[in-house]
Amino acid sequence: MLELGLFFSIVVYSRTVKIIRFSRRLRFLKSYVKCSSFTDFVLANLQRWKINLISIKFTLVNKVFSHLKKSRFLQVLFLTHRSFRESVFVRRDGLFFDYLKIVFLFSKGVVNSRILLFFLSEIFKYLPKYKHIKFISLLKKTFNILVDPVFLRGFDKISIYGIKFSIAGKFKGKLRKSRVSIQVGKVPVQSISKDVEFSKINVFTRYGVFGLKLWIYRK
């Protein structure tokens, strides 16, 4: 008899705004959550396909972060980025704290470059054109902190040796498209033997579509 199995690994991160809203509505959700019919439906289909083994691994990134948030490195991230709170994250404090959390978790290797790039796109999506330069300054500050060995002296070792970021589109609202690149450290993009992580995403803004690319070099 043929036996089949399913294996899932799910990583979940809940944004600060969502946690606040969920905590307010939690008492109302308890009376509406009914999963018995859904469970019966899933089990019936699993029996139909003769699948008798299911392995699901849930990793709640917020829970992982709760064990690491006392690190002094997170405090340094806040102090070095707080000037951008009023220039880039105007009326978006939740997104500002989420960005610090994601950068911190990224430095620990808990989240990958795709998650980091997604949050960069969320920050850039609603920025007015005169704040595009501030966005680039934010990234330069963050990348220098993650890569610079002099700055990281006294903290836990971070295995990031190079970061390259590229954004293409109608930067600063200009009629012609242009490309802006940032590189900190060494990123051997033309070598297949190096551990270079690559991610890209398209962002739809009021000024058109922007393409964001990110290279991370780890040893």
N, C-alpha and C. Protein backbone atom coordinates (compact mmCIF):
# COMPACT_ATOMS: atom_id res chain seq x y z
N MET A 1 0.84 -1.20 0.00
CA MET A 1 0.00 0.00 0.00
C MET A 1 0.88 1.25 0.00
N LEU A 2 0.59 2.15 -0.90
CA LEU A 2 1.37 3.38 -1.02
C LEU A 2 0.95 4.38 0.05
N GLU A 3 1.97 4.87 0.79
CA GLU A 3 1.71 5.84 1.83
C GLU A 3 2.35 7.17 1.45
N LEU A 4 1.60 8.23 1.55
CA LEU A 4 2.08 9.55 1.20
C LEU A 4 2.10 10.44 2.43
N GLY A 5 2.97 11.45 2.39
CA GLY A 5 3.08 12.38 3.51
C GLY A 5 3.20 13.81 3.02
N LEU A 6 2.74 14.73 3.81
CA LEU A 6 2.85 16.15 3.52
C LEU A 6 3.66 16.83 4.62
N PHE A 7 4.57 17.70 4.20
CA PHE A 7 5.42 18.40 5.15
C PHE A 7 5.35 19.90 4.85
N PHE A 8 5.00 20.69 5.83
CA PHE A 8 4.89 22.15 5.67
C PHE A 8 5.78 22.83 6.71
N SER A 9 6.40 23.92 6.28
CA SER A 9 7.13 24.79 7.20
C SER A 9 6.64 26.21 6.97
N ILE A 10 5.95 26.77 7.94
CA ILE A 10 5.29 28.06 7.82
C ILE A 10 5.92 29.04 8.79
N VAL A 11 6.38 30.18 8.24
CA VAL A 11 6.96 31.24 9.05
C VAL A 11 5.99 32.42 9.05
N VAL A 12 5.61 32.89 10.22
CA VAL A 12 4.60 33.93 10.36
C VAL A 12 5.19 35.11 11.12
N TYR A 13 4.96 36.31 10.59
CA TYR A 13 5.30 37.54 11.31
C TYR A 13 4.08 38.45 11.29
N SER A 14 3.69 38.91 12.45
CA SER A 14 2.53 39.78 12.57
C SER A 14 3.00 41.20 12.84
N ARG A 15 2.53 42.15 12.02
CA ARG A 15 2.94 43.54 12.18
C ARG A 15 2.34 44.15 13.43
N THR A 16 2.98 45.20 13.91
CA THR A 16 2.59 45.82 15.17
C THR A 16 1.15 46.30 15.14
N VAL A 17 0.73 46.90 14.03
CA VAL A 17 -0.65 47.39 13.93
C VAL A 17 -1.64 46.23 14.00
N LYS A 18 -1.31 45.12 13.37
CA LYS A 18 -2.20 43.97 13.38
C LYS A 18 -2.33 43.39 14.79
N ILE A 19 -1.21 43.36 15.53
CA ILE A 19 -1.26 42.83 16.89
C ILE A 19 -2.18 43.68 17.77
N ILE A 20 -2.09 44.99 17.63
CA ILE A 20 -2.93 45.88 18.43
C ILE A 20 -4.41 45.68 18.09
N ARG A 21 -4.70 45.59 16.79
CA ARG A 21 -6.10 45.39 16.39
C ARG A 21 -6.61 44.03 16.83
N PHE A 22 -5.76 43.01 16.74
CA PHE A 22 -6.19 41.67 17.12
C PHE A 22 -6.45 41.58 18.62
N SER A 23 -5.62 42.23 19.42
CA SER A 23 -5.81 42.19 20.86
C SER A 23 -7.11 42.86 21.27
N ARG A 24 -7.54 43.86 20.49
CA ARG A 24 -8.80 44.54 20.80
C ARG A 24 -10.01 43.70 20.42
N ARG A 25 -9.86 42.89 19.38
CA ARG A 25 -11.00 42.12 18.87
C ARG A 25 -10.98 40.66 19.30
N LEU A 26 -10.02 40.29 20.14
CA LEU A 26 -9.87 38.88 20.48
C LEU A 26 -11.11 38.32 21.16
N ARG A 27 -11.75 39.09 22.03
CA ARG A 27 -12.92 38.60 22.75
C ARG A 27 -14.10 38.37 21.83
N PHE A 28 -14.13 39.10 20.69
CA PHE A 28 -15.23 38.89 19.74
C PHE A 28 -14.97 37.71 18.82
N LEU A 29 -13.68 37.39 18.62
CA LEU A 29 -13.36 36.30 17.70
C LEU A 29 -13.65 34.93 18.30
N LYS A 30 -13.61 34.83 19.63
CA LYS A 30 -13.76 33.52 20.26
C LYS A 30 -15.12 32.90 19.96
N SER A 31 -16.15 33.72 19.83
CA SER A 31 -17.49 33.20 19.60
C SER A 31 -17.75 32.86 18.14
N TYR A 32 -16.86 33.29 17.23
CA TYR A 32 -17.10 33.07 15.81
C TYR A 32 -16.18 32.01 15.21
N VAL A 33 -15.14 31.63 15.91
CA VAL A 33 -14.19 30.68 15.34
C VAL A 33 -14.75 29.28 15.49
N LYS A 34 -15.08 28.68 14.38
CA LYS A 34 -15.55 27.30 14.35
C LYS A 34 -14.80 26.56 13.25
N CYS A 35 -13.95 25.64 13.65
CA CYS A 35 -13.09 24.97 12.67
C CYS A 35 -13.42 23.50 12.51
N SER A 36 -14.49 23.01 13.16
CA SER A 36 -14.78 21.58 13.08
C SER A 36 -15.14 21.17 11.66
N SER A 37 -15.97 21.95 10.98
CA SER A 37 -16.37 21.60 9.61
C SER A 37 -15.19 21.67 8.66
N PHE A 38 -14.33 22.65 8.86
CA PHE A 38 -13.14 22.75 8.02
C PHE A 38 -12.20 21.57 8.24
N THR A 39 -12.07 21.14 9.50
CA THR A 39 -11.22 19.99 9.81
C THR A 39 -11.76 18.73 9.16
N ASP A 40 -13.08 18.53 9.24
CA ASP A 40 -13.68 17.35 8.60
C ASP A 40 -13.45 17.36 7.09
N PHE A 41 -13.55 18.53 6.49
CA PHE A 41 -13.33 18.64 5.04
C PHE A 41 -11.89 18.26 4.67
N VAL A 42 -10.92 18.76 5.46
CA VAL A 42 -9.51 18.46 5.18
C VAL A 42 -9.22 16.98 5.36
N LEU A 43 -9.71 16.40 6.45
CA LEU A 43 -9.45 14.98 6.71
C LEU A 43 -10.08 14.09 5.65
N ALA A 44 -11.28 14.47 5.18
CA ALA A 44 -11.93 13.67 4.15
C ALA A 44 -11.12 13.66 2.86
N ASN A 45 -10.57 14.80 2.48
CA ASN A 45 -9.76 14.86 1.27
C ASN A 45 -8.42 14.17 1.44
N LEU A 46 -7.87 14.19 2.62
CA LEU A 46 -6.61 13.48 2.86
C LEU A 46 -6.82 11.97 2.74
N GLN A 47 -7.91 11.48 3.25
CA GLN A 47 -8.21 10.06 3.11
C GLN A 47 -8.46 9.70 1.65
N ARG A 48 -9.03 10.62 0.93
CA ARG A 48 -9.31 10.37 -0.49
C ARG A 48 -8.02 10.19 -1.28
N TRP A 49 -7.01 11.00 -0.95
CA TRP A 49 -5.72 10.92 -1.64
C TRP A 49 -4.74 9.98 -0.94
N LYS A 50 -5.20 9.26 0.07
CA LYS A 50 -4.40 8.27 0.80
C LYS A 50 -3.16 8.90 1.44
N ILE A 51 -3.35 10.07 1.99
CA ILE A 51 -2.28 10.75 2.71
C ILE A 51 -2.52 10.54 4.20
N ASN A 52 -1.60 9.86 4.84
CA ASN A 52 -1.81 9.52 6.25
C ASN A 52 -0.75 10.12 7.18
N LEU A 53 0.04 11.06 6.66
CA LEU A 53 1.05 11.69 7.49
C LEU A 53 1.13 13.17 7.14
N ILE A 54 0.97 14.02 8.14
CA ILE A 54 1.07 15.46 7.95
C ILE A 54 2.01 16.03 9.01
N SER A 55 2.99 16.78 8.55
CA SER A 55 3.94 17.42 9.46
C SER A 55 3.94 18.92 9.17
N ILE A 56 3.51 19.71 10.14
CA ILE A 56 3.42 21.15 9.98
C ILE A 56 4.27 21.81 11.07
N LYS A 57 5.16 22.68 10.63
CA LYS A 57 6.02 23.42 11.56
C LYS A 57 5.71 24.90 11.46
N PHE A 58 5.21 25.46 12.54
CA PHE A 58 4.90 26.89 12.60
C PHE A 58 6.02 27.60 13.37
N THR A 59 6.53 28.66 12.76
CA THR A 59 7.52 29.50 13.43
C THR A 59 6.97 30.91 13.52
N LEU A 60 6.58 31.33 14.70
CA LEU A 60 6.07 32.68 14.91
C LEU A 60 7.26 33.59 15.19
N VAL A 61 7.59 34.42 14.22
CA VAL A 61 8.77 35.26 14.32
C VAL A 61 8.65 36.23 15.49
N ASN A 62 7.45 36.71 15.79
CA ASN A 62 7.27 37.61 16.92
C ASN A 62 7.67 36.93 18.23
N LYS A 63 7.41 35.62 18.34
CA LYS A 63 7.80 34.89 19.55
C LYS A 63 9.31 34.77 19.64
N VAL A 64 9.95 34.53 18.50
CA VAL A 64 11.41 34.48 18.49
C VAL A 64 11.97 35.83 18.88
N PHE A 65 11.36 36.89 18.36
CA PHE A 65 11.83 38.24 18.67
C PHE A 65 11.70 38.56 20.15
N SER A 66 10.67 38.05 20.81
CA SER A 66 10.45 38.35 22.22
C SER A 66 11.59 37.84 23.09
N HIS A 67 12.30 36.81 22.63
CA HIS A 67 13.43 36.28 23.39
C HIS A 67 14.72 37.05 23.09
N LEU A 68 14.73 37.83 22.03
CA LEU A 68 15.95 38.51 21.63
C LEU A 68 15.91 40.02 21.81
N LYS A 69 14.74 40.57 22.15
CA LYS A 69 14.57 42.01 22.10
C LYS A 69 15.37 42.76 23.18
N LYS A 70 15.91 42.06 24.16
CA LYS A 70 16.71 42.71 25.18
C LYS A 70 18.14 42.98 24.72
N SER A 71 18.45 42.58 23.51
CA SER A 71 19.79 42.80 23.00
C SER A 71 20.09 44.29 22.87
N ARG A 72 21.31 44.67 23.21
CA ARG A 72 21.71 46.08 23.12
C ARG A 72 21.78 46.54 21.67
N PHE A 73 21.95 45.60 20.75
CA PHE A 73 22.02 45.95 19.34
C PHE A 73 20.71 46.56 18.86
N LEU A 74 19.57 46.09 19.39
CA LEU A 74 18.27 46.66 19.02
C LEU A 74 18.16 48.10 19.52
N GLN A 75 18.67 48.37 20.69
CA GLN A 75 18.66 49.73 21.20
C GLN A 75 19.49 50.66 20.33
N VAL A 76 20.62 50.15 19.87
CA VAL A 76 21.48 50.95 18.98
C VAL A 76 20.78 51.22 17.65
N LEU A 77 20.04 50.23 17.15
CA LEU A 77 19.28 50.44 15.91
C LEU A 77 18.27 51.56 16.07
N PHE A 78 17.60 51.60 17.21
CA PHE A 78 16.62 52.66 17.45
C PHE A 78 17.30 54.02 17.53
N LEU A 79 18.40 54.10 18.25
CA LEU A 79 19.08 55.39 18.42
C LEU A 79 19.65 55.92 17.11
N THR A 80 20.14 55.04 16.26
CA THR A 80 20.74 55.48 15.00
C THR A 80 19.70 55.77 13.92
N HIS A 81 18.48 55.26 14.10
CA HIS A 81 17.45 55.45 13.08
C HIS A 81 16.33 56.39 13.52
N ARG A 82 16.37 56.89 14.74
CA ARG A 82 15.24 57.68 15.22
C ARG A 82 15.07 58.99 14.46
N SER A 83 16.14 59.50 13.83
CA SER A 83 15.99 60.73 13.05
C SER A 83 15.11 60.52 11.82
N PHE A 84 15.01 59.27 11.34
CA PHE A 84 14.17 58.97 10.18
C PHE A 84 12.71 58.76 10.57
N ARG A 85 12.43 58.74 11.84
CA ARG A 85 11.05 58.51 12.29
C ARG A 85 10.13 59.65 11.86
N GLU A 86 10.65 60.86 11.85
CA GLU A 86 9.85 62.01 11.47
C GLU A 86 10.02 62.40 10.00
N SER A 87 11.07 61.91 9.35
CA SER A 87 11.31 62.29 7.96
C SER A 87 10.80 61.25 6.97
N VAL A 88 10.89 59.96 7.30
CA VAL A 88 10.46 58.89 6.39
C VAL A 88 9.18 58.23 6.88
N PHE A 89 9.06 58.02 8.20
CA PHE A 89 7.92 57.29 8.76
C PHE A 89 6.92 58.24 9.40
N VAL A 90 6.55 59.28 8.68
CA VAL A 90 5.60 60.25 9.22
C VAL A 90 4.23 59.59 9.38
N ARG A 91 3.68 59.65 10.59
CA ARG A 91 2.38 59.05 10.93
C ARG A 91 2.33 57.55 10.65
N ARG A 92 3.50 56.92 10.67
CA ARG A 92 3.56 55.47 10.48
C ARG A 92 4.52 54.87 11.51
N ASP A 93 4.26 55.14 12.78
CA ASP A 93 5.13 54.66 13.84
C ASP A 93 5.17 53.14 13.89
N GLY A 94 4.03 52.51 13.61
CA GLY A 94 4.00 51.06 13.61
C GLY A 94 4.96 50.47 12.59
N LEU A 95 4.98 51.06 11.40
CA LEU A 95 5.88 50.58 10.36
C LEU A 95 7.34 50.84 10.73
N PHE A 96 7.60 51.95 11.43
CA PHE A 96 8.97 52.25 11.86
C PHE A 96 9.49 51.18 12.82
N PHE A 97 8.68 50.82 13.81
CA PHE A 97 9.11 49.79 14.76
C PHE A 97 9.18 48.42 14.11
N ASP A 98 8.29 48.15 13.16
CA ASP A 98 8.38 46.89 12.41
C ASP A 98 9.68 46.81 11.62
N TYR A 99 10.07 47.92 11.03
CA TYR A 99 11.32 47.95 10.26
C TYR A 99 12.52 47.64 11.16
N LEU A 100 12.56 48.23 12.35
CA LEU A 100 13.65 47.95 13.27
C LEU A 100 13.66 46.49 13.69
N LYS A 101 12.48 45.92 13.91
CA LYS A 101 12.40 44.51 14.28
C LYS A 101 12.90 43.60 13.16
N ILE A 102 12.48 43.91 11.92
CA ILE A 102 12.88 43.07 10.81
C ILE A 102 14.38 43.16 10.56
N VAL A 103 14.95 44.36 10.66
CA VAL A 103 16.40 44.51 10.50
C VAL A 103 17.13 43.73 11.58
N PHE A 104 16.62 43.80 12.80
CA PHE A 104 17.23 43.06 13.90
C PHE A 104 17.17 41.56 13.66
N LEU A 105 15.99 41.05 13.27
CA LEU A 105 15.84 39.62 13.01
C LEU A 105 16.64 39.19 11.80
N PHE A 106 16.77 40.07 10.81
CA PHE A 106 17.58 39.77 9.64
C PHE A 106 19.06 39.64 10.01
N SER A 107 19.52 40.49 10.92
CA SER A 107 20.92 40.40 11.36
C SER A 107 21.18 39.10 12.11
N LYS A 108 20.15 38.55 12.76
CA LYS A 108 20.28 37.29 13.47
C LYS A 108 20.07 36.07 12.57
N GLY A 109 19.68 36.31 11.31
CA GLY A 109 19.44 35.20 10.39
C GLY A 109 18.10 34.54 10.56
N VAL A 110 17.17 35.18 11.29
CA VAL A 110 15.84 34.59 11.51
C VAL A 110 14.95 34.78 10.29
N VAL A 111 15.05 35.93 9.62
CA VAL A 111 14.30 36.17 8.38
C VAL A 111 15.30 36.36 7.24
N ASN A 112 14.83 36.14 6.01
CA ASN A 112 15.71 36.22 4.85
C ASN A 112 15.57 37.57 4.16
N SER A 113 16.29 37.70 3.05
CA SER A 113 16.31 38.97 2.32
C SER A 113 14.97 39.29 1.68
N ARG A 114 14.17 38.29 1.37
CA ARG A 114 12.86 38.53 0.76
C ARG A 114 11.93 39.29 1.71
N ILE A 115 11.97 38.92 2.98
CA ILE A 115 11.15 39.61 3.97
C ILE A 115 11.64 41.04 4.16
N LEU A 116 12.96 41.21 4.22
CA LEU A 116 13.51 42.55 4.36
C LEU A 116 13.14 43.43 3.18
N LEU A 117 13.23 42.89 1.97
CA LEU A 117 12.89 43.66 0.78
C LEU A 117 11.41 44.01 0.73
N PHE A 118 10.57 43.11 1.23
CA PHE A 118 9.14 43.41 1.29
C PHE A 118 8.87 44.62 2.18
N PHE A 119 9.52 44.70 3.32
CA PHE A 119 9.32 45.85 4.20
C PHE A 119 9.89 47.12 3.60
N LEU A 120 10.97 47.01 2.85
CA LEU A 120 11.49 48.18 2.14
C LEU A 120 10.48 48.68 1.13
N SER A 121 9.81 47.77 0.45
CA SER A 121 8.79 48.17 -0.53
C SER A 121 7.59 48.82 0.16
N GLU A 122 7.22 48.34 1.36
CA GLU A 122 6.11 48.93 2.08
C GLU A 122 6.45 50.35 2.53
N ILE A 123 7.70 50.59 2.87
CA ILE A 123 8.12 51.94 3.26
C ILE A 123 8.11 52.87 2.06
N PHE A 124 8.60 52.39 0.94
CA PHE A 124 8.77 53.24 -0.25
C PHE A 124 7.45 53.50 -0.97
N LYS A 125 6.48 52.62 -0.82
CA LYS A 125 5.26 52.65 -1.64
C LYS A 125 4.52 53.99 -1.56
N TYR A 126 4.39 54.56 -0.40
CA TYR A 126 3.58 55.76 -0.22
C TYR A 126 4.42 57.02 0.04
N LEU A 127 5.71 56.94 -0.21
CA LEU A 127 6.56 58.11 0.01
C LEU A 127 6.34 59.15 -1.09
N PRO A 128 6.24 60.41 -0.75
CA PRO A 128 6.24 61.46 -1.79
C PRO A 128 7.62 61.57 -2.42
N LYS A 129 7.68 62.16 -3.60
CA LYS A 129 8.92 62.17 -4.37
C LYS A 129 10.05 62.91 -3.68
N TYR A 130 9.75 63.92 -2.88
CA TYR A 130 10.82 64.67 -2.24
C TYR A 130 11.44 63.92 -1.06
N LYS A 131 10.88 62.74 -0.72
CA LYS A 131 11.46 61.93 0.35
C LYS A 131 12.20 60.71 -0.17
N HIS A 132 12.35 60.59 -1.47
CA HIS A 132 13.09 59.46 -2.03
C HIS A 132 14.55 59.48 -1.58
N ILE A 133 15.14 60.65 -1.50
CA ILE A 133 16.53 60.75 -1.06
C ILE A 133 16.66 60.34 0.40
N LYS A 134 15.66 60.69 1.22
CA LYS A 134 15.68 60.27 2.62
C LYS A 134 15.61 58.75 2.74
N PHE A 135 14.86 58.13 1.84
CA PHE A 135 14.76 56.67 1.83
C PHE A 135 16.12 56.05 1.54
N ILE A 136 16.85 56.60 0.58
CA ILE A 136 18.19 56.09 0.27
C ILE A 136 19.13 56.31 1.46
N SER A 137 19.01 57.43 2.13
CA SER A 137 19.84 57.68 3.31
C SER A 137 19.53 56.68 4.42
N LEU A 138 18.26 56.32 4.57
CA LEU A 138 17.88 55.31 5.55
C LEU A 138 18.55 53.98 5.26
N LEU A 139 18.55 53.57 4.00
CA LEU A 139 19.16 52.29 3.63
C LEU A 139 20.67 52.32 3.83
N LYS A 140 21.30 53.42 3.49
CA LYS A 140 22.75 53.52 3.69
C LYS A 140 23.10 53.37 5.17
N LYS A 141 22.32 54.02 6.02
CA LYS A 141 22.54 53.91 7.47
C LYS A 141 22.39 52.47 7.93
N THR A 142 21.33 51.81 7.50
CA THR A 142 21.07 50.44 7.92
C THR A 142 22.14 49.49 7.41
N PHE A 143 22.50 49.59 6.15
CA PHE A 143 23.49 48.68 5.57
C PHE A 143 24.86 48.87 6.21
N ASN A 144 25.22 50.10 6.49
CA ASN A 144 26.51 50.35 7.14
C ASN A 144 26.56 49.71 8.52
N ILE A 145 25.44 49.76 9.23
CA ILE A 145 25.40 49.14 10.56
C ILE A 145 25.52 47.62 10.47
N LEU A 146 24.88 47.03 9.47
CA LEU A 146 24.88 45.57 9.35
C LEU A 146 26.21 45.01 8.85
N VAL A 147 26.99 45.82 8.17
CA VAL A 147 28.21 45.31 7.52
C VAL A 147 29.48 45.80 8.21
N ASP A 148 29.47 47.03 8.71
CA ASP A 148 30.69 47.64 9.22
C ASP A 148 31.22 46.88 10.44
N PRO A 149 32.41 46.26 10.35
CA PRO A 149 32.94 45.51 11.51
C PRO A 149 33.34 46.40 12.66
N VAL A 150 33.69 47.66 12.38
CA VAL A 150 34.07 48.58 13.45
C VAL A 150 32.85 48.93 14.30
N PHE A 151 31.73 49.15 13.64
CA PHE A 151 30.51 49.50 14.37
C PHE A 151 30.00 48.31 15.18
N LEU A 152 30.17 47.10 14.65
CA LEU A 152 29.63 45.91 15.31
C LEU A 152 30.53 45.37 16.41
N ARG A 153 31.62 46.04 16.68
CA ARG A 153 32.52 45.59 17.73
C ARG A 153 31.82 45.65 19.08
N GLY A 154 31.85 44.53 19.78
CA GLY A 154 31.18 44.45 21.07
C GLY A 154 29.81 43.80 21.00
N PHE A 155 29.28 43.58 19.78
CA PHE A 155 27.99 42.91 19.62
C PHE A 155 28.22 41.48 19.14
N ASP A 156 27.12 40.73 19.07
CA ASP A 156 27.21 39.38 18.52
C ASP A 156 27.63 39.44 17.06
N LYS A 157 28.42 38.46 16.66
CA LYS A 157 28.95 38.46 15.29
C LYS A 157 27.82 38.29 14.29
N ILE A 158 27.83 39.13 13.25
CA ILE A 158 26.85 39.08 12.18
C ILE A 158 27.56 38.63 10.91
N SER A 159 27.04 37.61 10.28
CA SER A 159 27.73 36.99 9.14
C SER A 159 27.36 37.62 7.82
N ILE A 160 27.16 38.94 7.77
CA ILE A 160 26.87 39.64 6.53
C ILE A 160 28.11 40.42 6.12
N TYR A 161 28.65 40.12 4.94
CA TYR A 161 29.89 40.73 4.50
C TYR A 161 29.67 41.71 3.35
N GLY A 162 28.48 41.78 2.83
CA GLY A 162 28.22 42.72 1.75
C GLY A 162 26.74 42.79 1.43
N ILE A 163 26.29 44.01 1.13
CA ILE A 163 24.88 44.24 0.76
C ILE A 163 24.87 45.16 -0.45
N LYS A 164 24.07 44.79 -1.43
CA LYS A 164 23.88 45.62 -2.61
C LYS A 164 22.39 45.81 -2.84
N PHE A 165 21.99 47.05 -3.06
CA PHE A 165 20.59 47.37 -3.28
C PHE A 165 20.46 48.23 -4.52
N SER A 166 19.41 47.96 -5.30
CA SER A 166 19.18 48.71 -6.54
C SER A 166 17.69 49.03 -6.65
N ILE A 167 17.39 50.27 -7.04
CA ILE A 167 16.01 50.67 -7.27
C ILE A 167 15.95 51.39 -8.60
N ALA A 168 14.99 51.01 -9.44
CA ALA A 168 14.85 51.58 -10.78
C ALA A 168 13.42 52.06 -10.98
N GLY A 169 13.28 53.25 -11.52
CA GLY A 169 11.96 53.84 -11.77
C GLY A 169 12.07 55.34 -11.92
N LYS A 170 10.96 56.02 -11.86
CA LYS A 170 10.94 57.48 -11.98
C LYS A 170 11.29 58.09 -10.64
N PHE A 171 12.57 58.00 -10.31
CA PHE A 171 13.06 58.45 -9.02
C PHE A 171 12.89 59.96 -8.89
N LYS A 172 12.42 60.39 -7.72
CA LYS A 172 12.13 61.79 -7.42
C LYS A 172 11.08 62.38 -8.37
N GLY A 173 10.25 61.52 -8.98
CA GLY A 173 9.16 61.98 -9.83
C GLY A 173 9.58 62.47 -11.20
N LYS A 174 10.80 62.20 -11.61
CA LYS A 174 11.27 62.66 -12.92
C LYS A 174 10.56 61.91 -14.05
N LEU A 175 10.55 62.52 -15.23
CA LEU A 175 9.84 61.92 -16.36
C LEU A 175 10.55 60.68 -16.88
N ARG A 176 11.88 60.69 -16.82
CA ARG A 176 12.65 59.55 -17.29
C ARG A 176 13.01 58.62 -16.13
N LYS A 177 13.05 57.35 -16.45
CA LYS A 177 13.42 56.37 -15.42
C LYS A 177 14.93 56.42 -15.19
N SER A 178 15.30 56.15 -13.97
CA SER A 178 16.70 56.11 -13.60
C SER A 178 16.92 54.98 -12.60
N ARG A 179 18.18 54.72 -12.32
CA ARG A 179 18.53 53.65 -11.39
C ARG A 179 19.47 54.18 -10.33
N VAL A 180 19.18 53.84 -9.09
CA VAL A 180 20.03 54.23 -7.97
C VAL A 180 20.48 52.95 -7.27
N SER A 181 21.79 52.86 -7.02
CA SER A 181 22.35 51.65 -6.41
C SER A 181 23.13 52.02 -5.16
N ILE A 182 23.10 51.12 -4.20
CA ILE A 182 23.86 51.25 -2.96
C ILE A 182 24.61 49.94 -2.76
N GLN A 183 25.88 50.03 -2.42
CA GLN A 183 26.64 48.84 -2.11
C GLN A 183 27.55 49.12 -0.92
N VAL A 184 27.46 48.24 0.06
CA VAL A 184 28.29 48.31 1.25
C VAL A 184 28.99 46.96 1.40
N GLY A 185 30.31 46.97 1.43
CA GLY A 185 31.06 45.73 1.48
C GLY A 185 31.22 45.13 0.10
N LYS A 186 31.64 43.88 0.07
CA LYS A 186 31.86 43.18 -1.19
C LYS A 186 30.71 42.23 -1.48
N VAL A 187 30.21 42.28 -2.71
CA VAL A 187 29.13 41.40 -3.14
C VAL A 187 29.55 40.75 -4.47
N PRO A 188 30.10 39.55 -4.46
CA PRO A 188 30.55 38.89 -5.69
C PRO A 188 29.37 38.31 -6.49
N VAL A 189 28.66 39.17 -7.20
CA VAL A 189 27.44 38.74 -7.90
C VAL A 189 27.73 37.84 -9.10
N GLN A 190 28.95 37.83 -9.59
CA GLN A 190 29.27 37.03 -10.77
C GLN A 190 29.96 35.72 -10.43
N SER A 191 29.96 35.35 -9.17
CA SER A 191 30.57 34.10 -8.75
C SER A 191 29.48 33.16 -8.24
N ILE A 192 29.41 31.96 -8.79
CA ILE A 192 28.38 31.00 -8.39
C ILE A 192 28.81 30.19 -7.17
N SER A 193 30.06 30.30 -6.78
CA SER A 193 30.55 29.54 -5.63
C SER A 193 30.34 30.28 -4.31
N LYS A 194 29.92 31.54 -4.37
CA LYS A 194 29.71 32.32 -3.17
C LYS A 194 28.23 32.27 -2.75
N ASP A 195 28.01 32.43 -1.45
CA ASP A 195 26.66 32.39 -0.91
C ASP A 195 26.04 33.79 -1.00
N VAL A 196 25.49 34.11 -2.17
CA VAL A 196 24.87 35.41 -2.41
C VAL A 196 23.36 35.19 -2.54
N GLU A 197 22.61 35.80 -1.66
CA GLU A 197 21.16 35.68 -1.65
C GLU A 197 20.57 36.86 -2.43
N PHE A 198 19.69 36.55 -3.38
CA PHE A 198 19.12 37.58 -4.26
C PHE A 198 17.61 37.58 -4.15
N SER A 199 17.04 38.79 -4.07
CA SER A 199 15.58 38.96 -4.04
C SER A 199 15.20 40.19 -4.84
N LYS A 200 14.00 40.16 -5.41
CA LYS A 200 13.51 41.32 -6.15
C LYS A 200 12.00 41.42 -5.98
N ILE A 201 11.50 42.65 -6.15
CA ILE A 201 10.08 42.91 -5.99
C ILE A 201 9.71 44.16 -6.78
N ASN A 202 8.47 44.20 -7.27
CA ASN A 202 7.96 45.38 -7.98
C ASN A 202 7.00 46.14 -7.05
N VAL A 203 7.15 47.46 -7.06
CA VAL A 203 6.33 48.32 -6.19
C VAL A 203 5.54 49.27 -7.07
N PHE A 204 4.23 49.33 -6.87
CA PHE A 204 3.36 50.20 -7.64
C PHE A 204 3.08 51.46 -6.82
N THR A 205 3.55 52.59 -7.31
CA THR A 205 3.40 53.86 -6.61
C THR A 205 2.65 54.86 -7.49
N ARG A 206 2.42 56.05 -6.96
CA ARG A 206 1.75 57.11 -7.73
C ARG A 206 2.63 57.63 -8.86
N TYR A 207 3.93 57.35 -8.80
CA TYR A 207 4.87 57.80 -9.83
C TYR A 207 5.21 56.71 -10.83
N GLY A 208 4.55 55.57 -10.74
CA GLY A 208 4.82 54.48 -11.65
C GLY A 208 5.32 53.25 -10.91
N VAL A 209 5.79 52.30 -11.67
CA VAL A 209 6.27 51.04 -11.11
C VAL A 209 7.78 51.14 -10.87
N PHE A 210 8.20 50.71 -9.68
CA PHE A 210 9.60 50.68 -9.32
C PHE A 210 10.03 49.23 -9.12
N GLY A 211 11.23 48.94 -9.55
CA GLY A 211 11.81 47.62 -9.33
C GLY A 211 12.89 47.68 -8.27
N LEU A 212 12.73 46.88 -7.22
CA LEU A 212 13.70 46.83 -6.13
C LEU A 212 14.42 45.49 -6.15
N LYS A 213 15.74 45.53 -6.04
CA LYS A 213 16.56 44.33 -6.02
C LYS A 213 17.53 44.39 -4.84
N LEU A 214 17.78 43.23 -4.27
CA LEU A 214 18.63 43.17 -3.08
C LEU A 214 19.53 41.95 -3.16
N TRP A 215 20.83 42.18 -2.97
CA TRP A 215 21.83 41.11 -2.90
C TRP A 215 22.44 41.09 -1.50
N ILE A 216 22.53 39.92 -0.91
CA ILE A 216 23.14 39.77 0.42
C ILE A 216 24.25 38.72 0.30
N TYR A 217 25.43 39.10 0.73
CA TYR A 217 26.57 38.18 0.69
C TYR A 217 26.91 37.75 2.11
N ARG A 218 26.78 36.45 2.34
CA ARG A 218 27.12 35.87 3.63
C ARG A 218 28.26 34.87 3.44
N LYS A 219 29.08 34.74 4.45
CA LYS A 219 30.16 33.73 4.41
C LYS A 219 29.81 32.56 5.30
